[in-house]
Amino acid sequence: MIIRPARTDDAEALTVILNDVIENTTITFTSEPKTVDDVRDDIATKGSAFVVAEIDGRAVGYASYFPFRNGPGYARTKEHSIALAKEARGTGAGRKLMTALEAVARAEGVHSLWAGVSAENPAGHAFHSAIGFIEVATLPEVGFKFGRWIDLVLMQKKL
């Protein structure tokens, strides 16, 4: 497994991974599928703050971060996103991606990373706890997907 900066030619494989999560889970509250162009633009915009796990020459997951909120007072606080193909789950790819992403964040002066974890995603909560994120708050019924309201658990890791 290789962890490396994302390239725009990863967009097709990452779009498949993202759309599986979007269309079939409540891991994300997003309900609109992504296009290859959407993902390509995201990679280009985030630059070093977008890393990929590659197995046998194929992108099988990513981690990236983006502004937590708008405004200069939040410039050193970022929220992250991580997604893995089913075959990459449980391989250590998630930990390796987050280690690489945290290194980029530290180098860029980021003070803390935030995770918004669906309350219906206990594996995501356990993963973030295992890598040092602490649960800070639960926002009740802020997500709506598949006809129901879902809580969001906010977790933070100070770098």
N, C-alpha and C. Protein backbone atom coordinates (compact mmCIF):
# COMPACT_ATOMS: atom_id res chain seq x y z
N MET A 1 0.85 -1.18 0.00
CA MET A 1 0.00 0.00 0.00
C MET A 1 0.89 1.24 0.00
N ILE A 2 0.51 2.18 -0.83
CA ILE A 2 1.22 3.46 -0.92
C ILE A 2 0.25 4.57 -0.51
N ILE A 3 0.74 5.49 0.31
CA ILE A 3 -0.02 6.70 0.63
C ILE A 3 0.72 7.84 -0.07
N ARG A 4 -0.01 8.62 -0.84
CA ARG A 4 0.61 9.65 -1.66
C ARG A 4 -0.37 10.81 -1.87
N PRO A 5 0.14 11.95 -2.35
CA PRO A 5 -0.77 13.03 -2.71
C PRO A 5 -1.72 12.59 -3.82
N ALA A 6 -2.94 13.06 -3.75
CA ALA A 6 -3.92 12.75 -4.79
C ALA A 6 -3.51 13.41 -6.10
N ARG A 7 -3.88 12.75 -7.19
CA ARG A 7 -3.68 13.30 -8.53
C ARG A 7 -5.06 13.37 -9.21
N THR A 8 -5.18 14.27 -10.15
CA THR A 8 -6.48 14.39 -10.81
C THR A 8 -6.88 13.11 -11.53
N ASP A 9 -5.91 12.28 -11.92
CA ASP A 9 -6.29 11.02 -12.58
C ASP A 9 -6.83 9.98 -11.59
N ASP A 10 -6.84 10.30 -10.28
CA ASP A 10 -7.49 9.44 -9.28
C ASP A 10 -8.99 9.67 -9.22
N ALA A 11 -9.45 10.71 -9.87
CA ALA A 11 -10.85 11.14 -9.71
C ALA A 11 -11.86 10.05 -10.04
N GLU A 12 -11.62 9.30 -11.09
CA GLU A 12 -12.61 8.28 -11.48
C GLU A 12 -12.77 7.22 -10.40
N ALA A 13 -11.67 6.68 -9.89
CA ALA A 13 -11.74 5.65 -8.84
C ALA A 13 -12.34 6.21 -7.55
N LEU A 14 -11.97 7.43 -7.20
CA LEU A 14 -12.49 8.02 -5.97
C LEU A 14 -13.98 8.35 -6.09
N THR A 15 -14.43 8.70 -7.28
CA THR A 15 -15.85 8.97 -7.49
C THR A 15 -16.67 7.72 -7.24
N VAL A 16 -16.19 6.57 -7.68
CA VAL A 16 -16.90 5.31 -7.44
C VAL A 16 -17.00 5.05 -5.94
N ILE A 17 -15.90 5.25 -5.20
CA ILE A 17 -15.89 5.03 -3.75
C ILE A 17 -16.86 5.98 -3.06
N LEU A 18 -16.76 7.26 -3.39
CA LEU A 18 -17.64 8.27 -2.77
C LEU A 18 -19.10 8.00 -3.06
N ASN A 19 -19.42 7.69 -4.30
CA ASN A 19 -20.82 7.49 -4.64
C ASN A 19 -21.41 6.25 -3.99
N ASP A 20 -20.60 5.23 -3.74
CA ASP A 20 -21.09 4.08 -2.99
C ASP A 20 -21.48 4.51 -1.58
N VAL A 21 -20.65 5.30 -0.95
CA VAL A 21 -20.94 5.79 0.40
C VAL A 21 -22.17 6.71 0.39
N ILE A 22 -22.22 7.61 -0.58
CA ILE A 22 -23.34 8.56 -0.68
C ILE A 22 -24.66 7.83 -0.91
N GLU A 23 -24.66 6.90 -1.83
CA GLU A 23 -25.92 6.27 -2.25
C GLU A 23 -26.40 5.17 -1.32
N ASN A 24 -25.50 4.57 -0.53
CA ASN A 24 -25.87 3.36 0.22
C ASN A 24 -25.69 3.43 1.73
N THR A 25 -25.23 4.56 2.25
CA THR A 25 -24.99 4.63 3.70
C THR A 25 -25.43 5.97 4.28
N THR A 26 -25.43 6.01 5.60
CA THR A 26 -25.62 7.29 6.30
C THR A 26 -24.30 7.75 6.91
N ILE A 27 -23.18 7.24 6.39
CA ILE A 27 -21.87 7.73 6.81
C ILE A 27 -21.75 9.21 6.48
N THR A 28 -22.31 9.61 5.35
CA THR A 28 -22.40 11.01 4.99
C THR A 28 -23.87 11.35 4.83
N PHE A 29 -24.21 12.59 5.11
CA PHE A 29 -25.59 13.03 4.92
C PHE A 29 -25.80 13.56 3.50
N THR A 30 -24.74 13.65 2.72
CA THR A 30 -24.84 14.05 1.33
C THR A 30 -25.68 13.02 0.58
N SER A 31 -26.57 13.49 -0.27
CA SER A 31 -27.41 12.56 -1.02
C SER A 31 -27.24 12.71 -2.53
N GLU A 32 -26.54 13.73 -2.96
CA GLU A 32 -26.31 13.95 -4.38
C GLU A 32 -25.01 13.27 -4.80
N PRO A 33 -25.06 12.34 -5.76
CA PRO A 33 -23.83 11.71 -6.23
C PRO A 33 -22.85 12.73 -6.80
N LYS A 34 -21.58 12.41 -6.71
CA LYS A 34 -20.51 13.26 -7.25
C LYS A 34 -20.22 12.85 -8.68
N THR A 35 -19.75 13.79 -9.46
CA THR A 35 -19.27 13.48 -10.80
C THR A 35 -17.75 13.39 -10.75
N VAL A 36 -17.18 12.81 -11.78
CA VAL A 36 -15.72 12.74 -11.88
C VAL A 36 -15.15 14.16 -11.89
N ASP A 37 -15.82 15.08 -12.57
CA ASP A 37 -15.34 16.47 -12.59
C ASP A 37 -15.39 17.10 -11.21
N ASP A 38 -16.44 16.80 -10.42
CA ASP A 38 -16.52 17.31 -9.04
C ASP A 38 -15.29 16.88 -8.25
N VAL A 39 -14.96 15.60 -8.33
CA VAL A 39 -13.84 15.06 -7.55
C VAL A 39 -12.52 15.59 -8.09
N ARG A 40 -12.39 15.68 -9.38
CA ARG A 40 -11.17 16.22 -9.99
C ARG A 40 -10.95 17.66 -9.51
N ASP A 41 -12.01 18.46 -9.50
CA ASP A 41 -11.90 19.85 -9.03
C ASP A 41 -11.53 19.91 -7.56
N ASP A 42 -12.11 19.00 -6.76
CA ASP A 42 -11.80 18.95 -5.33
C ASP A 42 -10.32 18.64 -5.11
N ILE A 43 -9.79 17.68 -5.84
CA ILE A 43 -8.37 17.33 -5.74
C ILE A 43 -7.51 18.54 -6.10
N ALA A 44 -7.84 19.19 -7.20
CA ALA A 44 -7.05 20.34 -7.66
C ALA A 44 -7.10 21.49 -6.66
N THR A 45 -8.26 21.71 -6.05
CA THR A 45 -8.43 22.81 -5.11
C THR A 45 -7.69 22.57 -3.80
N LYS A 46 -7.74 21.34 -3.29
CA LYS A 46 -7.17 21.05 -1.97
C LYS A 46 -5.67 20.80 -2.00
N GLY A 47 -5.13 20.45 -3.14
CA GLY A 47 -3.69 20.26 -3.25
C GLY A 47 -3.15 19.26 -2.25
N SER A 48 -2.19 19.67 -1.43
CA SER A 48 -1.53 18.75 -0.49
C SER A 48 -2.46 18.25 0.61
N ALA A 49 -3.60 18.90 0.79
CA ALA A 49 -4.56 18.50 1.82
C ALA A 49 -5.50 17.41 1.31
N PHE A 50 -5.05 16.63 0.34
CA PHE A 50 -5.84 15.54 -0.22
C PHE A 50 -4.87 14.40 -0.52
N VAL A 51 -4.96 13.32 0.26
CA VAL A 51 -4.05 12.18 0.10
C VAL A 51 -4.84 10.93 -0.26
N VAL A 52 -4.15 10.00 -0.92
CA VAL A 52 -4.78 8.80 -1.46
C VAL A 52 -4.03 7.56 -0.98
N ALA A 53 -4.79 6.49 -0.74
CA ALA A 53 -4.22 5.16 -0.52
C ALA A 53 -4.31 4.42 -1.84
N GLU A 54 -3.20 3.83 -2.24
CA GLU A 54 -3.14 3.10 -3.51
C GLU A 54 -2.69 1.67 -3.25
N ILE A 55 -3.42 0.74 -3.81
CA ILE A 55 -3.04 -0.68 -3.76
C ILE A 55 -3.02 -1.20 -5.19
N ASP A 56 -1.92 -1.82 -5.54
CA ASP A 56 -1.76 -2.38 -6.89
C ASP A 56 -2.09 -1.37 -7.99
N GLY A 57 -1.64 -0.14 -7.80
CA GLY A 57 -1.81 0.88 -8.81
C GLY A 57 -3.19 1.52 -8.87
N ARG A 58 -4.05 1.21 -7.92
CA ARG A 58 -5.43 1.73 -7.94
C ARG A 58 -5.74 2.47 -6.65
N ALA A 59 -6.32 3.65 -6.77
CA ALA A 59 -6.75 4.42 -5.59
C ALA A 59 -7.89 3.69 -4.91
N VAL A 60 -7.72 3.40 -3.60
CA VAL A 60 -8.74 2.66 -2.85
C VAL A 60 -9.29 3.46 -1.67
N GLY A 61 -8.86 4.70 -1.55
CA GLY A 61 -9.37 5.54 -0.47
C GLY A 61 -8.67 6.88 -0.47
N TYR A 62 -9.24 7.79 0.31
CA TYR A 62 -8.66 9.12 0.39
C TYR A 62 -8.95 9.72 1.77
N ALA A 63 -8.19 10.74 2.10
CA ALA A 63 -8.47 11.61 3.23
C ALA A 63 -8.14 13.03 2.78
N SER A 64 -8.95 13.97 3.20
CA SER A 64 -8.70 15.37 2.85
C SER A 64 -9.24 16.25 3.96
N TYR A 65 -8.84 17.50 3.93
CA TYR A 65 -9.45 18.44 4.87
C TYR A 65 -9.81 19.73 4.16
N PHE A 66 -10.63 20.50 4.85
CA PHE A 66 -11.20 21.72 4.29
C PHE A 66 -11.54 22.64 5.45
N PRO A 67 -11.83 23.92 5.19
CA PRO A 67 -12.14 24.84 6.29
C PRO A 67 -13.29 24.34 7.16
N PHE A 68 -13.10 24.47 8.47
CA PHE A 68 -14.15 24.10 9.42
C PHE A 68 -15.32 25.07 9.30
N ARG A 69 -15.00 26.33 9.27
CA ARG A 69 -15.99 27.40 9.05
C ARG A 69 -15.29 28.52 8.31
N ASN A 70 -16.06 29.42 7.76
CA ASN A 70 -15.48 30.56 7.06
C ASN A 70 -15.00 31.61 8.04
N GLY A 71 -14.06 32.41 7.60
CA GLY A 71 -13.56 33.52 8.40
C GLY A 71 -12.14 33.26 8.88
N PRO A 72 -11.37 34.33 9.04
CA PRO A 72 -9.96 34.20 9.40
C PRO A 72 -9.73 33.59 10.78
N GLY A 73 -10.66 33.74 11.68
CA GLY A 73 -10.50 33.18 13.02
C GLY A 73 -10.50 31.67 13.04
N TYR A 74 -10.99 31.04 11.97
CA TYR A 74 -11.05 29.58 11.88
C TYR A 74 -9.96 29.01 10.97
N ALA A 75 -9.03 29.82 10.53
CA ALA A 75 -8.06 29.41 9.51
C ALA A 75 -7.22 28.21 9.93
N ARG A 76 -7.00 28.00 11.20
CA ARG A 76 -6.15 26.88 11.67
C ARG A 76 -6.95 25.71 12.22
N THR A 77 -8.23 25.71 11.91
CA THR A 77 -9.11 24.62 12.31
C THR A 77 -9.72 24.05 11.03
N LYS A 78 -9.59 22.73 10.87
CA LYS A 78 -10.06 22.10 9.63
C LYS A 78 -10.96 20.91 9.97
N GLU A 79 -11.88 20.64 9.08
CA GLU A 79 -12.69 19.42 9.16
C GLU A 79 -12.17 18.47 8.10
N HIS A 80 -12.20 17.20 8.40
CA HIS A 80 -11.66 16.26 7.42
C HIS A 80 -12.74 15.29 6.94
N SER A 81 -12.40 14.65 5.84
CA SER A 81 -13.25 13.62 5.24
C SER A 81 -12.35 12.44 4.91
N ILE A 82 -12.87 11.24 5.09
CA ILE A 82 -12.12 10.04 4.74
C ILE A 82 -13.10 9.01 4.20
N ALA A 83 -12.70 8.32 3.16
CA ALA A 83 -13.54 7.25 2.60
C ALA A 83 -12.64 6.18 2.02
N LEU A 84 -13.06 4.95 2.21
CA LEU A 84 -12.31 3.79 1.71
C LEU A 84 -13.23 2.88 0.91
N ALA A 85 -12.66 2.28 -0.12
CA ALA A 85 -13.37 1.23 -0.83
C ALA A 85 -13.57 0.07 0.13
N LYS A 86 -14.60 -0.72 -0.08
CA LYS A 86 -14.90 -1.84 0.84
C LYS A 86 -13.69 -2.75 1.03
N GLU A 87 -12.96 -3.03 -0.05
CA GLU A 87 -11.83 -3.96 0.06
C GLU A 87 -10.64 -3.36 0.83
N ALA A 88 -10.64 -2.06 1.04
CA ALA A 88 -9.54 -1.42 1.78
C ALA A 88 -9.83 -1.27 3.27
N ARG A 89 -11.08 -1.48 3.66
CA ARG A 89 -11.44 -1.34 5.08
C ARG A 89 -10.82 -2.47 5.88
N GLY A 90 -10.27 -2.11 7.04
CA GLY A 90 -9.65 -3.11 7.91
C GLY A 90 -8.22 -3.46 7.52
N THR A 91 -7.65 -2.75 6.57
CA THR A 91 -6.28 -3.04 6.11
C THR A 91 -5.24 -2.11 6.73
N GLY A 92 -5.69 -1.13 7.49
CA GLY A 92 -4.77 -0.11 8.01
C GLY A 92 -4.69 1.11 7.12
N ALA A 93 -5.39 1.09 6.00
CA ALA A 93 -5.34 2.21 5.07
C ALA A 93 -5.85 3.50 5.72
N GLY A 94 -6.92 3.41 6.49
CA GLY A 94 -7.48 4.60 7.14
C GLY A 94 -6.48 5.25 8.09
N ARG A 95 -5.83 4.44 8.91
CA ARG A 95 -4.81 4.98 9.84
C ARG A 95 -3.67 5.62 9.07
N LYS A 96 -3.22 4.96 8.02
CA LYS A 96 -2.10 5.51 7.24
C LYS A 96 -2.49 6.80 6.54
N LEU A 97 -3.71 6.86 6.02
CA LEU A 97 -4.18 8.09 5.40
C LEU A 97 -4.23 9.23 6.40
N MET A 98 -4.77 8.95 7.59
CA MET A 98 -4.89 10.01 8.58
C MET A 98 -3.52 10.45 9.11
N THR A 99 -2.58 9.53 9.25
CA THR A 99 -1.23 9.89 9.66
C THR A 99 -0.61 10.85 8.65
N ALA A 100 -0.78 10.54 7.36
CA ALA A 100 -0.24 11.40 6.30
C ALA A 100 -0.95 12.75 6.29
N LEU A 101 -2.27 12.73 6.43
CA LEU A 101 -3.03 13.99 6.40
C LEU A 101 -2.68 14.86 7.59
N GLU A 102 -2.52 14.26 8.76
CA GLU A 102 -2.13 15.03 9.94
C GLU A 102 -0.75 15.65 9.77
N ALA A 103 0.17 14.96 9.12
CA ALA A 103 1.50 15.51 8.87
C ALA A 103 1.41 16.75 7.98
N VAL A 104 0.57 16.68 6.94
CA VAL A 104 0.36 17.84 6.07
C VAL A 104 -0.24 18.98 6.88
N ALA A 105 -1.24 18.67 7.69
CA ALA A 105 -1.91 19.69 8.48
C ALA A 105 -0.93 20.38 9.44
N ARG A 106 -0.13 19.59 10.12
CA ARG A 106 0.86 20.19 11.04
C ARG A 106 1.81 21.12 10.28
N ALA A 107 2.29 20.66 9.13
CA ALA A 107 3.22 21.46 8.33
C ALA A 107 2.57 22.76 7.86
N GLU A 108 1.26 22.75 7.70
CA GLU A 108 0.54 23.94 7.26
C GLU A 108 0.01 24.77 8.43
N GLY A 109 0.38 24.41 9.66
CA GLY A 109 0.00 25.21 10.82
C GLY A 109 -1.40 24.97 11.34
N VAL A 110 -2.00 23.86 11.00
CA VAL A 110 -3.35 23.55 11.49
C VAL A 110 -3.25 23.18 12.97
N HIS A 111 -4.13 23.74 13.76
CA HIS A 111 -4.15 23.48 15.21
C HIS A 111 -5.00 22.26 15.58
N SER A 112 -6.16 22.12 14.91
CA SER A 112 -7.00 20.96 15.23
C SER A 112 -7.78 20.51 14.01
N LEU A 113 -8.04 19.21 14.01
CA LEU A 113 -8.87 18.59 12.99
C LEU A 113 -10.18 18.15 13.64
N TRP A 114 -11.26 18.30 12.90
CA TRP A 114 -12.58 17.90 13.35
C TRP A 114 -13.13 16.81 12.45
N ALA A 115 -13.89 15.92 13.07
CA ALA A 115 -14.62 14.89 12.34
C ALA A 115 -16.09 15.03 12.69
N GLY A 116 -16.93 15.07 11.69
CA GLY A 116 -18.37 15.00 11.88
C GLY A 116 -18.79 13.58 11.56
N VAL A 117 -19.11 12.80 12.58
CA VAL A 117 -19.39 11.37 12.42
C VAL A 117 -20.88 11.12 12.62
N SER A 118 -21.50 10.51 11.64
CA SER A 118 -22.90 10.13 11.77
C SER A 118 -23.07 9.24 13.00
N ALA A 119 -24.10 9.49 13.77
CA ALA A 119 -24.38 8.64 14.94
C ALA A 119 -24.74 7.22 14.52
N GLU A 120 -25.06 7.02 13.24
CA GLU A 120 -25.34 5.69 12.73
C GLU A 120 -24.08 5.00 12.18
N ASN A 121 -22.92 5.56 12.51
CA ASN A 121 -21.65 5.01 12.03
C ASN A 121 -20.74 4.68 13.22
N PRO A 122 -21.07 3.64 13.98
CA PRO A 122 -20.23 3.31 15.15
C PRO A 122 -18.80 2.94 14.76
N ALA A 123 -18.59 2.38 13.59
CA ALA A 123 -17.23 2.05 13.17
C ALA A 123 -16.42 3.33 12.96
N GLY A 124 -17.04 4.36 12.42
CA GLY A 124 -16.36 5.65 12.23
C GLY A 124 -16.01 6.28 13.56
N HIS A 125 -16.92 6.18 14.53
CA HIS A 125 -16.66 6.71 15.86
C HIS A 125 -15.49 5.96 16.50
N ALA A 126 -15.52 4.64 16.42
CA ALA A 126 -14.44 3.83 17.00
C ALA A 126 -13.10 4.13 16.33
N PHE A 127 -13.11 4.25 15.01
CA PHE A 127 -11.88 4.57 14.28
C PHE A 127 -11.29 5.89 14.77
N HIS A 128 -12.11 6.93 14.82
CA HIS A 128 -11.61 8.24 15.23
C HIS A 128 -11.12 8.21 16.69
N SER A 129 -11.83 7.53 17.56
CA SER A 129 -11.37 7.40 18.95
C SER A 129 -10.01 6.72 19.00
N ALA A 130 -9.83 5.68 18.21
CA ALA A 130 -8.59 4.91 18.22
C ALA A 130 -7.39 5.73 17.74
N ILE A 131 -7.63 6.75 16.92
CA ILE A 131 -6.51 7.56 16.43
C ILE A 131 -6.41 8.90 17.15
N GLY A 132 -7.08 9.02 18.30
CA GLY A 132 -6.87 10.18 19.16
C GLY A 132 -7.89 11.29 19.09
N PHE A 133 -8.98 11.08 18.37
CA PHE A 133 -10.05 12.09 18.37
C PHE A 133 -10.90 11.91 19.62
N ILE A 134 -11.37 13.03 20.15
CA ILE A 134 -12.20 13.01 21.36
C ILE A 134 -13.58 13.54 21.00
N GLU A 135 -14.60 12.85 21.48
CA GLU A 135 -15.98 13.30 21.25
C GLU A 135 -16.21 14.58 22.03
N VAL A 136 -16.69 15.60 21.33
CA VAL A 136 -16.90 16.90 21.94
C VAL A 136 -18.39 17.22 22.10
N ALA A 137 -19.19 16.80 21.13
CA ALA A 137 -20.62 17.14 21.18
C ALA A 137 -21.41 16.22 20.25
N THR A 138 -22.68 16.10 20.56
CA THR A 138 -23.63 15.45 19.66
C THR A 138 -24.67 16.49 19.28
N LEU A 139 -24.84 16.68 17.99
CA LEU A 139 -25.84 17.61 17.49
C LEU A 139 -27.05 16.77 17.08
N PRO A 140 -28.13 16.86 17.85
CA PRO A 140 -29.28 15.99 17.57
C PRO A 140 -30.03 16.38 16.30
N GLU A 141 -30.32 15.37 15.51
CA GLU A 141 -31.18 15.50 14.34
C GLU A 141 -30.79 16.64 13.40
N VAL A 142 -29.50 16.73 13.08
CA VAL A 142 -29.06 17.77 12.13
C VAL A 142 -28.91 17.24 10.72
N GLY A 143 -28.86 15.92 10.56
CA GLY A 143 -28.78 15.31 9.24
C GLY A 143 -30.10 14.64 8.89
N PHE A 144 -30.43 14.67 7.62
CA PHE A 144 -31.65 14.01 7.16
C PHE A 144 -31.31 13.22 5.91
N LYS A 145 -31.55 11.92 5.97
CA LYS A 145 -31.25 11.07 4.83
C LYS A 145 -32.11 9.81 4.94
N PHE A 146 -32.51 9.29 3.81
CA PHE A 146 -33.32 8.08 3.74
C PHE A 146 -34.59 8.21 4.58
N GLY A 147 -35.14 9.43 4.61
CA GLY A 147 -36.41 9.67 5.27
C GLY A 147 -36.38 9.76 6.78
N ARG A 148 -35.20 9.94 7.35
CA ARG A 148 -35.13 10.04 8.82
C ARG A 148 -34.07 11.05 9.25
N TRP A 149 -34.25 11.56 10.46
CA TRP A 149 -33.30 12.48 11.08
C TRP A 149 -32.19 11.68 11.75
N ILE A 150 -30.97 12.20 11.65
CA ILE A 150 -29.80 11.50 12.18
C ILE A 150 -28.94 12.49 12.97
N ASP A 151 -28.45 12.04 14.12
CA ASP A 151 -27.56 12.86 14.94
C ASP A 151 -26.17 12.89 14.33
N LEU A 152 -25.44 13.98 14.62
CA LEU A 152 -24.06 14.13 14.19
C LEU A 152 -23.18 14.24 15.42
N VAL A 153 -22.16 13.41 15.50
CA VAL A 153 -21.21 13.44 16.60
C VAL A 153 -19.97 14.20 16.14
N LEU A 154 -19.62 15.26 16.86
CA LEU A 154 -18.42 16.04 16.55
C LEU A 154 -17.26 15.54 17.38
N MET A 155 -16.15 15.26 16.71
CA MET A 155 -14.95 14.77 17.38
C MET A 155 -13.77 15.66 16.96
N GLN A 156 -12.86 15.90 17.90
CA GLN A 156 -11.73 16.80 17.66
C GLN A 156 -10.41 16.14 18.03
N LYS A 157 -9.39 16.45 17.25
CA LYS A 157 -8.03 16.06 17.59
C LYS A 157 -7.15 17.30 17.49
N LYS A 158 -6.55 17.67 18.61
CA LYS A 158 -5.61 18.79 18.60
C LYS A 158 -4.26 18.27 18.14
N LEU A 159 -3.70 19.00 17.18
CA LEU A 159 -2.43 18.58 16.61
C LEU A 159 -1.27 19.22 17.34
